Amino acid sequence: MKAPQWLRALEIPDVCISQASSAREGRRRFVIHLREGDQIWRVKMDGCWLTSSSEKKVDYLFWGSSALGRKVIILVELKGKHFGKALEQIESTLQRICKRADDRGVHTGAHQESPGHDFHKKGVQAYVVLSKGKGVLQRRLERERIRKRYGVLVHSKSQRLEVNGLDALP
């Protein structure tokens, strides 16, 4: 199945897009067990779409559409222990996918296939899966700033996040 238009508009190399519903790095895992009617695309961000070592970015971006019609964008960072650095990577990625250099919004929710940034509808979410969750409680204000600025909730999990279907995401 072909990737959504807004993903292709980002000029992501085809080799970086797959229909995988999981990501793993060491013992850290993010897994969505798809239900009938769910569709998902995974974009490998770090080292594939974005190769610059100086640019901060999350490990993966998932775009999904559930059987019930819910559309989601999920940013996933698989991190050892530095939650603060993960928040910086999330914010940098949000800046990248929400705006282009020519100031045209790439992801605004205006595209038919793209969810909006309404955190009540959980359209765009971010997950940090940590080996050692240091600094999560101390970063409360930074998480709140991301929520207010981008409408994105940042969730943290230890070792793994595994859900049954896109509609089951916290």
Protein backbone atom coordinates (compact mmCIF):
# COMPACT_ATOMS: atom_id res chain seq x y z
CA MET A 1 0.00 0.00 0.00
CA LYS A 2 1.23 3.45 -0.90
CA ALA A 3 2.21 5.88 1.87
CA PRO A 4 -0.11 8.85 2.52
CA GLN A 5 0.40 11.95 0.39
CA TRP A 6 1.53 14.15 3.27
CA LEU A 7 4.32 11.65 4.08
CA ARG A 8 5.44 11.66 0.45
CA ALA A 9 5.30 15.49 0.45
CA LEU A 10 8.01 15.47 3.12
CA GLU A 11 10.39 13.96 0.54
CA ILE A 12 11.10 10.93 2.70
CA PRO A 13 13.09 8.26 0.82
CA ASP A 14 10.98 5.15 0.18
CA VAL A 15 13.60 3.02 1.94
CA CYS A 16 12.76 4.84 5.22
CA ILE A 17 9.01 4.06 5.06
CA SER A 18 7.55 0.66 5.90
CA GLN A 19 4.27 -0.73 7.14
CA ALA A 20 5.88 -2.00 10.35
CA SER A 21 3.98 -1.41 13.59
CA SER A 22 6.87 -1.75 16.02
CA ALA A 23 10.29 -0.40 16.86
CA ARG A 24 13.05 -1.92 18.96
CA GLU A 25 16.41 -0.79 20.24
CA GLY A 26 18.13 -3.08 22.71
CA ARG A 27 15.57 -4.02 25.36
CA ARG A 28 13.36 -1.00 24.63
CA ARG A 29 10.28 -1.76 22.55
CA PHE A 30 7.30 0.07 21.12
CA VAL A 31 4.67 -2.27 19.68
CA ILE A 32 1.18 -1.78 18.29
CA HIS A 33 -0.61 -5.04 17.57
CA LEU A 34 -2.82 -4.01 14.68
CA ARG A 35 -6.49 -4.88 14.67
CA GLU A 36 -8.51 -5.57 11.56
CA GLY A 37 -8.92 -2.33 9.65
CA ASP A 38 -5.92 -0.57 11.23
CA GLN A 39 -3.32 0.82 8.84
CA ILE A 40 0.12 2.03 9.82
CA TRP A 41 3.31 3.37 8.29
CA ARG A 42 6.61 3.65 10.12
CA VAL A 43 9.22 6.22 9.15
CA LYS A 44 12.75 5.62 10.38
CA MET A 45 13.86 9.13 11.20
CA ASP A 46 17.30 8.90 12.77
CA GLY A 47 19.92 7.78 10.29
CA CYS A 48 17.51 7.28 7.38
CA TRP A 49 15.28 10.24 6.58
CA LEU A 50 17.35 12.65 8.66
CA THR A 51 21.03 11.77 8.48
CA SER A 52 22.65 14.90 9.91
CA SER A 53 24.28 14.12 13.23
CA SER A 54 23.80 17.72 14.37
CA GLU A 55 20.01 17.74 13.88
CA LYS A 56 17.97 16.42 16.81
CA LYS A 57 15.24 13.97 15.87
CA VAL A 58 13.25 11.07 17.27
CA ASP A 59 13.98 7.51 16.24
CA TYR A 60 10.63 6.83 14.53
CA LEU A 61 7.46 8.50 13.34
CA PHE A 62 4.35 6.36 12.89
CA TRP A 63 1.29 7.45 10.92
CA GLY A 64 -1.81 5.38 11.50
CA SER A 65 -5.49 5.14 10.79
CA SER A 66 -7.64 2.91 12.97
CA ALA A 67 -10.61 0.80 11.95
CA LEU A 68 -12.80 3.32 13.80
CA GLY A 69 -11.42 6.19 11.71
CA ARG A 70 -9.02 7.66 14.27
CA LYS A 71 -5.94 9.16 12.63
CA VAL A 72 -2.74 9.45 14.62
CA ILE A 73 0.85 10.56 14.30
CA ILE A 74 3.12 8.97 16.87
CA LEU A 75 6.65 10.12 17.58
CA VAL A 76 8.75 7.44 19.28
CA GLU A 77 12.10 7.91 20.97
CA LEU A 78 13.82 4.83 22.39
CA LYS A 79 16.19 6.26 24.97
CA GLY A 80 18.60 4.89 27.53
CA LYS A 81 18.11 7.30 30.41
CA HIS A 82 18.15 10.98 29.40
CA PHE A 83 14.52 12.04 29.31
CA GLY A 84 15.44 15.71 28.89
CA LYS A 85 17.33 14.95 25.67
CA ALA A 86 14.35 12.94 24.42
CA LEU A 87 12.11 15.98 24.94
CA GLU A 88 14.53 18.10 22.89
CA GLN A 89 14.41 15.50 20.10
CA ILE A 90 10.60 15.47 20.17
CA GLU A 91 10.37 19.24 19.96
CA SER A 92 12.90 19.42 17.13
CA THR A 93 10.99 16.75 15.20
CA LEU A 94 7.70 18.57 15.72
CA GLN A 95 9.28 21.74 14.34
CA ARG A 96 10.47 19.77 11.32
CA ILE A 97 7.18 18.08 10.44
CA CYS A 98 4.95 21.05 11.24
CA LYS A 99 6.82 23.64 9.17
CA ARG A 100 9.09 23.75 6.18
CA ALA A 101 11.84 26.23 5.46
CA ASP A 102 9.53 28.14 3.11
CA ASP A 103 7.06 28.53 6.02
CA ARG A 104 4.39 26.29 4.49
CA GLY A 105 2.89 23.91 7.01
CA VAL A 106 3.49 20.29 6.08
CA HIS A 107 1.50 18.80 8.92
CA THR A 108 -1.25 21.10 10.05
CA GLY A 109 -4.21 18.77 10.27
CA ALA A 110 -5.58 20.45 7.14
CA HIS A 111 -4.64 17.48 4.99
CA GLN A 112 -7.47 14.97 4.78
CA GLU A 113 -5.14 12.15 5.81
CA SER A 114 -3.41 14.00 8.62
CA PRO A 115 -4.73 14.42 12.17
CA GLY A 116 -4.73 17.81 13.85
CA HIS A 117 -2.81 18.87 16.92
CA ASP A 118 -5.76 18.66 19.32
CA PHE A 119 -4.40 16.75 22.30
CA HIS A 120 -7.94 15.98 23.48
CA LYS A 121 -8.43 13.94 20.30
CA LYS A 122 -4.95 12.40 20.69
CA GLY A 123 -4.11 13.04 17.02
CA VAL A 124 -0.40 13.65 17.54
CA GLN A 125 1.36 11.97 20.44
CA ALA A 126 4.90 11.29 21.53
CA TYR A 127 6.27 8.34 23.46
CA VAL A 128 9.63 7.96 25.12
CA VAL A 129 10.55 4.41 26.04
CA LEU A 130 13.38 4.53 28.57
CA SER A 131 15.78 1.93 29.94
CA LYS A 132 16.26 3.99 33.05
CA GLY A 133 13.68 6.69 33.66
CA LYS A 134 15.82 9.40 35.20
CA GLY A 135 14.53 12.93 35.08
CA VAL A 136 10.92 12.22 34.09
CA LEU A 137 9.36 13.92 37.10
CA GLN A 138 11.78 16.85 36.93
CA ARG A 139 10.79 17.56 33.29
CA ARG A 140 7.11 18.22 34.01
CA LEU A 141 7.29 21.86 32.87
CA GLU A 142 9.00 20.98 29.59
CA ARG A 143 6.33 18.37 28.83
CA GLU A 144 3.63 20.95 29.56
CA ARG A 145 5.33 23.49 27.28
CA ILE A 146 5.30 20.98 24.40
CA ARG A 147 1.64 20.23 25.08
CA LYS A 148 0.71 23.91 25.01
CA ARG A 149 2.88 24.85 22.02
CA TYR A 150 2.13 21.84 19.80
CA GLY A 151 -0.94 20.20 21.34
CA VAL A 152 1.11 17.02 21.82
CA LEU A 153 1.14 14.86 24.93
CA VAL A 154 4.47 13.25 25.77
CA HIS A 155 4.15 9.85 27.44
CA SER A 156 7.01 8.02 29.11
CA LYS A 157 7.25 4.28 29.59
CA SER A 158 9.88 2.03 31.06
CA GLN A 159 11.34 -0.68 28.79
CA ARG A 160 8.28 -1.23 26.57
CA LEU A 161 4.94 0.02 25.41
CA GLU A 162 2.70 -2.59 23.85
CA VAL A 163 -0.96 -2.01 22.91
CA ASN A 164 -3.65 -3.89 21.01
CA GLY A 165 -4.76 -1.62 18.21
CA LEU A 166 -4.36 2.08 17.48
CA ASP A 167 -7.48 2.94 19.47
CA ALA A 168 -5.87 1.48 22.62
CA LEU A 169 -2.99 3.99 22.70
CA PRO A 170 -2.93 5.85 26.02
